[in-house]
Amino acid sequence: MRLEDLNWMDVESYLQQDDRLMLILGACEQHGYLSLLTDVRIPLALADAASERTGVLVAPPLNFGVSPYFLAYPGTISLRSSTLIQVVEDLVRSVYRQGFKRLLVLNGHGGNDGARNVLVELANELPQLKVGWYAWWQSHSVAAVAEKYELKPAHANWLEAFSFVQVAELPRGSKTPPSYQGLPNAEQMRQFYGDGSFGGLYSTRPEIMQELFDAALTDVLHLLQFD
């Protein structure tokens, strides 16, 4: 159940029964042959699936994140770290004022990790606020699936190649990861990574991807209990 499908009166009625809300943090950035909104579509799919089972509301996703290292790839739209932190704070304060006290942030992009600190600060400041954070690709459950099939996770490789983010035919086989030292700028990143994949297999079997998704969904359902 998404906020976009409700009116304000529906939300007011919801808040009489539940104070939970899922917030999606994503990015608009290159993902090789996958959608530029891969980091939005994956956590949003998890949120929708969790909402179907629990009835917890899903807020509209934040489609832009911190991606300065990919700006040499057309289509990447990046926020400054300070901007993201301010936006996240504003979002939390807005919904908290209305009565949402338990927030699960589903983050789809590693560049957004800086927002975690402001969430802790807000939890210290706002009475009754409880915040959960879930970055699906970093979970032990997802790592266990990768290890089970001896697959190496990486940006824009098989790990993110769910059917709902594929917008072009994927190359066959795998890519050798490049090696570099230091902190590359956007132009160097494009030189190093070429098509944008960080290496490894471009795709794997659909049943493995379903097992991966199910593992992440189980995590989300657990976190929504706010134990």
C-alpha atoms as a PDB file:
ATOM      1  CA  MET A   1       0.000   0.000   0.000  1.00  0.00           C
ATOM      2  CA  ARG A   2       1.596   3.200  -1.223  1.00  0.00           C
ATOM      3  CA  LEU A   3       0.908   6.746  -0.087  1.00  0.00           C
ATOM      4  CA  GLU A   4       0.405   7.755  -3.703  1.00  0.00           C
ATOM      5  CA  ASP A   5      -2.691   5.536  -3.879  1.00  0.00           C
ATOM      6  CA  LEU A   6      -4.342   7.181  -0.848  1.00  0.00           C
ATOM      7  CA  ASN A   7      -5.750  10.548   0.104  1.00  0.00           C
ATOM      8  CA  TRP A   8      -4.971  12.356   3.344  1.00  0.00           C
ATOM      9  CA  MET A   9      -8.089  11.047   5.029  1.00  0.00           C
ATOM     10  CA  ASP A  10      -7.028   7.477   4.287  1.00  0.00           C
ATOM     11  CA  VAL A  11      -3.675   8.155   5.923  1.00  0.00           C
ATOM     12  CA  GLU A  12      -5.333   9.678   8.968  1.00  0.00           C
ATOM     13  CA  SER A  13      -7.421   6.524   9.328  1.00  0.00           C
ATOM     14  CA  TYR A  14      -4.320   4.362   8.923  1.00  0.00           C
ATOM     15  CA  LEU A  15      -2.559   6.240  11.712  1.00  0.00           C
ATOM     16  CA  GLN A  16      -5.364   5.379  14.092  1.00  0.00           C
ATOM     17  CA  GLN A  17      -4.322   1.729  13.722  1.00  0.00           C
ATOM     18  CA  ASP A  18      -0.602   1.777  12.860  1.00  0.00           C
ATOM     19  CA  ASP A  19       2.355   4.154  13.164  1.00  0.00           C
ATOM     20  CA  ARG A  20       4.770   2.358  10.831  1.00  0.00           C
ATOM     21  CA  LEU A  21       6.068   3.699   7.518  1.00  0.00           C
ATOM     22  CA  MET A  22       8.667   2.489   5.031  1.00  0.00           C
ATOM     23  CA  LEU A  23      10.955   5.116   3.491  1.00  0.00           C
ATOM     24  CA  ILE A  24      12.953   4.303   0.344  1.00  0.00           C
ATOM     25  CA  LEU A  25      16.331   5.921  -0.285  1.00  0.00           C
ATOM     26  CA  GLY A  26      17.690   5.283  -3.762  1.00  0.00           C
ATOM     27  CA  ALA A  27      19.773   6.827  -6.506  1.00  0.00           C
ATOM     28  CA  CYS A  28      19.675   7.707 -10.177  1.00  0.00           C
ATOM     29  CA  GLU A  29      23.019   6.411 -11.387  1.00  0.00           C
ATOM     30  CA  GLN A  30      24.666   4.159 -13.920  1.00  0.00           C
ATOM     31  CA  HIS A  31      24.251   0.432 -13.420  1.00  0.00           C
ATOM     32  CA  GLY A  32      25.832  -0.850 -16.586  1.00  0.00           C
ATOM     33  CA  TYR A  33      23.083  -2.443 -18.687  1.00  0.00           C
ATOM     34  CA  LEU A  34      20.532  -2.194 -15.882  1.00  0.00           C
ATOM     35  CA  SER A  35      18.103   0.631 -15.150  1.00  0.00           C
ATOM     36  CA  LEU A  36      19.459   3.936 -13.923  1.00  0.00           C
ATOM     37  CA  LEU A  37      16.927   3.591 -11.098  1.00  0.00           C
ATOM     38  CA  THR A  38      18.083   0.138 -10.033  1.00  0.00           C
ATOM     39  CA  ASP A  39      18.818   1.449  -6.532  1.00  0.00           C
ATOM     40  CA  VAL A  40      15.203   2.600  -6.281  1.00  0.00           C
ATOM     41  CA  ARG A  41      13.429  -0.311  -7.934  1.00  0.00           C
ATOM     42  CA  ILE A  42      14.973  -3.022  -5.750  1.00  0.00           C
ATOM     43  CA  PRO A  43      14.151  -1.586  -2.297  1.00  0.00           C
ATOM     44  CA  LEU A  44      10.770  -0.432  -3.586  1.00  0.00           C
ATOM     45  CA  ALA A  45       9.973  -3.965  -4.767  1.00  0.00           C
ATOM     46  CA  LEU A  46      10.919  -5.263  -1.325  1.00  0.00           C
ATOM     47  CA  ALA A  47       8.766  -2.607   0.339  1.00  0.00           C
ATOM     48  CA  ASP A  48       5.772  -3.404  -1.864  1.00  0.00           C
ATOM     49  CA  ALA A  49       6.091  -7.116  -1.156  1.00  0.00           C
ATOM     50  CA  ALA A  50       6.384  -6.461   2.581  1.00  0.00           C
ATOM     51  CA  SER A  51       3.420  -4.102   2.479  1.00  0.00           C
ATOM     52  CA  GLU A  52       1.261  -6.747   0.819  1.00  0.00           C
ATOM     53  CA  ARG A  53       1.907  -9.042   3.781  1.00  0.00           C
ATOM     54  CA  THR A  54       1.733  -6.504   6.596  1.00  0.00           C
ATOM     55  CA  GLY A  55      -0.297  -3.530   5.383  1.00  0.00           C
ATOM     56  CA  VAL A  56       2.510  -1.124   6.333  1.00  0.00           C
ATOM     57  CA  LEU A  57       2.472   2.032   4.244  1.00  0.00           C
ATOM     58  CA  VAL A  58       5.217   2.804   1.706  1.00  0.00           C
ATOM     59  CA  ALA A  59       6.241   6.426   1.148  1.00  0.00           C
ATOM     60  CA  PRO A  60       7.232   7.638  -2.329  1.00  0.00           C
ATOM     61  CA  PRO A  61      10.917   6.839  -2.912  1.00  0.00           C
ATOM     62  CA  LEU A  62      13.695   9.385  -2.949  1.00  0.00           C
ATOM     63  CA  ASN A  63      14.974   8.820  -6.486  1.00  0.00           C
ATOM     64  CA  PHE A  64      18.256  10.698  -6.078  1.00  0.00           C
ATOM     65  CA  GLY A  65      21.235   9.861  -3.899  1.00  0.00           C
ATOM     66  CA  VAL A  66      24.920  10.630  -3.482  1.00  0.00           C
ATOM     67  CA  SER A  67      26.719   9.440  -6.631  1.00  0.00           C
ATOM     68  CA  PRO A  68      29.472  11.963  -7.519  1.00  0.00           C
ATOM     69  CA  TYR A  69      31.836   9.213  -8.682  1.00  0.00           C
ATOM     70  CA  PHE A  70      29.490   8.246 -11.548  1.00  0.00           C
ATOM     71  CA  LEU A  71      28.819  11.706 -12.951  1.00  0.00           C
ATOM     72  CA  ALA A  72      30.838  10.977 -16.098  1.00  0.00           C
ATOM     73  CA  TYR A  73      28.146   8.461 -17.030  1.00  0.00           C
ATOM     74  CA  PRO A  74      25.185  10.249 -18.687  1.00  0.00           C
ATOM     75  CA  GLY A  75      21.950   9.821 -16.768  1.00  0.00           C
ATOM     76  CA  THR A  76      23.541   9.882 -13.339  1.00  0.00           C
ATOM     77  CA  ILE A  77      22.019  12.641 -11.196  1.00  0.00           C
ATOM     78  CA  SER A  78      23.738  13.175  -7.856  1.00  0.00           C
ATOM     79  CA  LEU A  79      23.006  15.031  -4.641  1.00  0.00           C
ATOM     80  CA  ARG A  80      25.665  16.420  -2.336  1.00  0.00           C
ATOM     81  CA  SER A  81      26.035  14.490   0.903  1.00  0.00           C
ATOM     82  CA  SER A  82      24.880  17.521   2.872  1.00  0.00           C
ATOM     83  CA  THR A  83      21.761  17.822   0.713  1.00  0.00           C
ATOM     84  CA  LEU A  84      20.800  14.190   1.239  1.00  0.00           C
ATOM     85  CA  ILE A  85      21.195  14.506   4.997  1.00  0.00           C
ATOM     86  CA  GLN A  86      18.979  17.603   5.085  1.00  0.00           C
ATOM     87  CA  VAL A  87      16.340  15.981   2.890  1.00  0.00           C
ATOM     88  CA  VAL A  88      16.225  12.848   5.036  1.00  0.00           C
ATOM     89  CA  GLU A  89      15.899  14.952   8.178  1.00  0.00           C
ATOM     90  CA  ASP A  90      13.045  16.932   6.648  1.00  0.00           C
ATOM     91  CA  LEU A  91      11.248  13.756   5.571  1.00  0.00           C
ATOM     92  CA  VAL A  92      11.507  12.194   9.012  1.00  0.00           C
ATOM     93  CA  ARG A  93      10.378  15.356  10.816  1.00  0.00           C
ATOM     94  CA  SER A  94       7.401  15.678   8.453  1.00  0.00           C
ATOM     95  CA  VAL A  95       6.039  12.191   8.972  1.00  0.00           C
ATOM     96  CA  TYR A  96       6.883  12.098  12.682  1.00  0.00           C
ATOM     97  CA  ARG A  97       4.779  15.205  13.265  1.00  0.00           C
ATOM     98  CA  GLN A  98       1.808  13.444  11.667  1.00  0.00           C
ATOM     99  CA  GLY A  99       2.103  10.412  13.929  1.00  0.00           C
ATOM    100  CA  PHE A 100       4.478   7.996  12.199  1.00  0.00           C
ATOM    101  CA  LYS A 101       6.699   6.836  15.062  1.00  0.00           C
ATOM    102  CA  ARG A 102       8.244   3.666  13.638  1.00  0.00           C
ATOM    103  CA  LEU A 103      10.159   4.162  10.403  1.00  0.00           C
ATOM    104  CA  LEU A 104      11.979   1.521   8.389  1.00  0.00           C
ATOM    105  CA  VAL A 105      14.426   3.039   5.915  1.00  0.00           C
ATOM    106  CA  LEU A 106      15.136   0.743   2.978  1.00  0.00           C
ATOM    107  CA  ASN A 107      18.319   2.039   1.421  1.00  0.00           C
ATOM    108  CA  GLY A 108      19.247   0.925  -2.078  1.00  0.00           C
ATOM    109  CA  HIS A 109      22.506   2.819  -2.523  1.00  0.00           C
ATOM    110  CA  GLY A 110      25.812   2.697  -0.678  1.00  0.00           C
ATOM    111  CA  GLY A 111      26.502   6.374  -1.274  1.00  0.00           C
ATOM    112  CA  ASN A 112      23.597   7.211   1.017  1.00  0.00           C
ATOM    113  CA  ASP A 113      25.184   5.705   4.132  1.00  0.00           C
ATOM    114  CA  GLY A 114      25.873   9.167   5.527  1.00  0.00           C
ATOM    115  CA  ALA A 115      22.172   9.540   6.250  1.00  0.00           C
ATOM    116  CA  ARG A 116      22.393   6.937   9.000  1.00  0.00           C
ATOM    117  CA  ASN A 117      23.982   9.388  11.427  1.00  0.00           C
ATOM    118  CA  VAL A 118      21.205  11.950  11.128  1.00  0.00           C
ATOM    119  CA  LEU A 119      18.653   9.198  11.750  1.00  0.00           C
ATOM    120  CA  VAL A 120      20.388   8.319  15.006  1.00  0.00           C
ATOM    121  CA  GLU A 121      20.484  11.994  15.968  1.00  0.00           C
ATOM    122  CA  LEU A 122      16.758  12.294  15.290  1.00  0.00           C
ATOM    123  CA  ALA A 123      16.054   9.163  17.320  1.00  0.00           C
ATOM    124  CA  ASN A 124      17.920  10.778  20.209  1.00  0.00           C
ATOM    125  CA  GLU A 125      15.937  13.993  19.867  1.00  0.00           C
ATOM    126  CA  LEU A 126      12.390  12.906  19.035  1.00  0.00           C
ATOM    127  CA  PRO A 127      10.558  10.989  21.771  1.00  0.00           C
ATOM    128  CA  GLN A 128       8.995   7.676  20.681  1.00  0.00           C
ATOM    129  CA  LEU A 129      10.804   7.652  17.333  1.00  0.00           C
ATOM    130  CA  LYS A 130      12.133   4.253  16.349  1.00  0.00           C
ATOM    131  CA  VAL A 131      14.136   3.906  13.152  1.00  0.00           C
ATOM    132  CA  GLY A 132      15.327   0.808  11.334  1.00  0.00           C
ATOM    133  CA  TRP A 133      17.859   0.768   8.493  1.00  0.00           C
ATOM    134  CA  TYR A 134      18.172  -1.943   5.873  1.00  0.00           C
ATOM    135  CA  ALA A 135      20.650  -2.046   2.986  1.00  0.00           C
ATOM    136  CA  TRP A 136      19.647  -5.289   1.302  1.00  0.00           C
ATOM    137  CA  TRP A 137      22.958  -6.079  -0.442  1.00  0.00           C
ATOM    138  CA  GLN A 138      24.835  -5.835   2.866  1.00  0.00           C
ATOM    139  CA  SER A 139      22.646  -8.291   4.766  1.00  0.00           C
ATOM    140  CA  HIS A 140      23.960 -11.610   6.034  1.00  0.00           C
ATOM    141  CA  SER A 141      20.964 -13.333   4.474  1.00  0.00           C
ATOM    142  CA  VAL A 142      21.815 -12.086   0.998  1.00  0.00           C
ATOM    143  CA  ALA A 143      25.515 -12.861   1.517  1.00  0.00           C
ATOM    144  CA  ALA A 144      24.587 -16.420   2.452  1.00  0.00           C
ATOM    145  CA  VAL A 145      22.778 -16.909  -0.859  1.00  0.00           C
ATOM    146  CA  ALA A 146      25.788 -15.572  -2.767  1.00  0.00           C
ATOM    147  CA  GLU A 147      28.134 -17.877  -0.874  1.00  0.00           C
ATOM    148  CA  LYS A 148      25.845 -20.848  -1.391  1.00  0.00           C
ATOM    149  CA  TYR A 149      26.193 -20.514  -5.164  1.00  0.00           C
ATOM    150  CA  GLU A 150      29.805 -19.280  -5.070  1.00  0.00           C
ATOM    151  CA  LEU A 151      28.900 -15.961  -6.643  1.00  0.00           C
ATOM    152  CA  LYS A 152      30.779 -12.730  -5.984  1.00  0.00           C
ATOM    153  CA  PRO A 153      28.532  -9.695  -5.422  1.00  0.00           C
ATOM    154  CA  ALA A 154      29.446  -6.368  -7.024  1.00  0.00           C
ATOM    155  CA  HIS A 155      27.908  -3.195  -8.403  1.00  0.00           C
ATOM    156  CA  ALA A 156      25.881  -3.715 -11.610  1.00  0.00           C
ATOM    157  CA  ASN A 157      26.648  -7.411 -11.861  1.00  0.00           C
ATOM    158  CA  TRP A 158      24.419 -10.465 -11.284  1.00  0.00           C
ATOM    159  CA  LEU A 159      23.608  -9.300  -7.734  1.00  0.00           C
ATOM    160  CA  GLU A 160      21.362  -6.506  -8.968  1.00  0.00           C
ATOM    161  CA  ALA A 161      20.155  -8.086 -12.207  1.00  0.00           C
ATOM    162  CA  PHE A 162      16.569  -8.763 -11.154  1.00  0.00           C
ATOM    163  CA  SER A 163      14.168  -9.022 -14.067  1.00  0.00           C
ATOM    164  CA  PHE A 164      12.409  -5.807 -13.037  1.00  0.00           C
ATOM    165  CA  VAL A 165      15.587  -3.704 -13.433  1.00  0.00           C
ATOM    166  CA  GLN A 166      16.712  -5.138 -16.769  1.00  0.00           C
ATOM    167  CA  VAL A 167      16.209  -2.590 -19.544  1.00  0.00           C
ATOM    168  CA  ALA A 168      18.578  -4.104 -22.120  1.00  0.00           C
ATOM    169  CA  GLU A 169      20.008  -7.477 -23.068  1.00  0.00           C
ATOM    170  CA  LEU A 170      22.786  -8.407 -20.659  1.00  0.00           C
ATOM    171  CA  PRO A 171      26.197  -9.573 -21.899  1.00  0.00           C
ATOM    172  CA  ARG A 172      26.951 -13.240 -21.511  1.00  0.00           C
ATOM    173  CA  GLY A 173      29.653 -14.476 -19.193  1.00  0.00           C
ATOM    174  CA  SER A 174      31.607 -12.383 -16.733  1.00  0.00           C
ATOM    175  CA  LYS A 175      33.868  -9.349 -16.549  1.00  0.00           C
ATOM    176  CA  THR A 176      37.297  -9.187 -14.920  1.00  0.00           C
ATOM    177  CA  PRO A 177      37.211  -6.554 -12.172  1.00  0.00           C
ATOM    178  CA  PRO A 178      39.666  -3.697 -12.756  1.00  0.00           C
ATOM    179  CA  SER A 179      42.263  -2.828 -10.143  1.00  0.00           C
ATOM    180  CA  TYR A 180      43.219   0.673  -9.047  1.00  0.00           C
ATOM    181  CA  GLN A 181      44.522   2.601  -6.059  1.00  0.00           C
ATOM    182  CA  GLY A 182      43.382   5.809  -4.459  1.00  0.00           C
ATOM    183  CA  LEU A 183      40.044   7.615  -4.636  1.00  0.00           C
ATOM    184  CA  PRO A 184      39.143   8.047  -8.327  1.00  0.00           C
ATOM    185  CA  ASN A 185      37.120  10.967  -9.621  1.00  0.00           C
ATOM    186  CA  ALA A 186      34.205  10.576 -12.045  1.00  0.00           C
ATOM    187  CA  GLU A 187      36.318  10.547 -15.207  1.00  0.00           C
ATOM    188  CA  GLN A 188      38.706   7.987 -13.747  1.00  0.00           C
ATOM    189  CA  MET A 189      35.816   5.793 -12.650  1.00  0.00           C
ATOM    190  CA  ARG A 190      34.494   5.650 -16.196  1.00  0.00           C
ATOM    191  CA  GLN A 191      37.980   4.894 -17.501  1.00  0.00           C
ATOM    192  CA  PHE A 192      38.433   2.086 -14.972  1.00  0.00           C
ATOM    193  CA  TYR A 193      34.994   0.496 -15.226  1.00  0.00           C
ATOM    194  CA  GLY A 194      34.002   1.057 -18.841  1.00  0.00           C
ATOM    195  CA  ASP A 195      30.468  -0.286 -19.165  1.00  0.00           C
ATOM    196  CA  GLY A 196      29.870   0.407 -15.461  1.00  0.00           C
ATOM    197  CA  SER A 197      29.821  -3.111 -14.055  1.00  0.00           C
ATOM    198  CA  PHE A 198      32.332  -3.706 -11.276  1.00  0.00           C
ATOM    199  CA  GLY A 199      33.022  -7.207 -12.542  1.00  0.00           C
ATOM    200  CA  GLY A 200      31.941 -10.804 -12.144  1.00  0.00           C
ATOM    201  CA  LEU A 201      28.968 -12.485 -13.795  1.00  0.00           C
ATOM    202  CA  TYR A 202      26.499 -10.181 -15.503  1.00  0.00           C
ATOM    203  CA  SER A 203      23.570 -12.430 -14.611  1.00  0.00           C
ATOM    204  CA  THR A 204      22.643 -15.719 -12.991  1.00  0.00           C
ATOM    205  CA  ARG A 205      19.682 -18.093 -12.950  1.00  0.00           C
ATOM    206  CA  PRO A 206      16.200 -16.674 -12.178  1.00  0.00           C
ATOM    207  CA  GLU A 207      15.679 -19.143  -9.329  1.00  0.00           C
ATOM    208  CA  ILE A 208      18.806 -17.818  -7.597  1.00  0.00           C
ATOM    209  CA  MET A 209      17.553 -14.248  -7.939  1.00  0.00           C
ATOM    210  CA  GLN A 210      14.209 -15.287  -6.470  1.00  0.00           C
ATOM    211  CA  GLU A 211      15.969 -16.937  -3.532  1.00  0.00           C
ATOM    212  CA  LEU A 212      17.972 -13.746  -3.036  1.00  0.00           C
ATOM    213  CA  PHE A 213      14.840 -11.590  -3.086  1.00  0.00           C
ATOM    214  CA  ASP A 214      13.031 -13.889  -0.689  1.00  0.00           C
ATOM    215  CA  ALA A 215      15.961 -13.759   1.738  1.00  0.00           C
ATOM    216  CA  ALA A 216      15.922  -9.951   1.717  1.00  0.00           C
ATOM    217  CA  LEU A 217      12.140  -9.876   2.080  1.00  0.00           C
ATOM    218  CA  THR A 218      12.362 -12.073   5.166  1.00  0.00           C
ATOM    219  CA  ASP A 219      14.770  -9.531   6.642  1.00  0.00           C
ATOM    220  CA  VAL A 220      12.387  -6.665   5.941  1.00  0.00           C
ATOM    221  CA  LEU A 221       9.424  -8.464   7.479  1.00  0.00           C
ATOM    222  CA  HIS A 222      11.458  -9.114  10.621  1.00  0.00           C
ATOM    223  CA  LEU A 223      12.579  -5.489  10.901  1.00  0.00           C
ATOM    224  CA  LEU A 224       8.994  -4.275  10.570  1.00  0.00           C
ATOM    225  CA  GLN A 225       8.217  -5.960  13.864  1.00  0.00           C
ATOM    226  CA  PHE A 226      10.465  -3.386  15.590  1.00  0.00           C
ATOM    227  CA  ASP A 227      11.432  -5.828  18.343  1.00  0.00           C
END
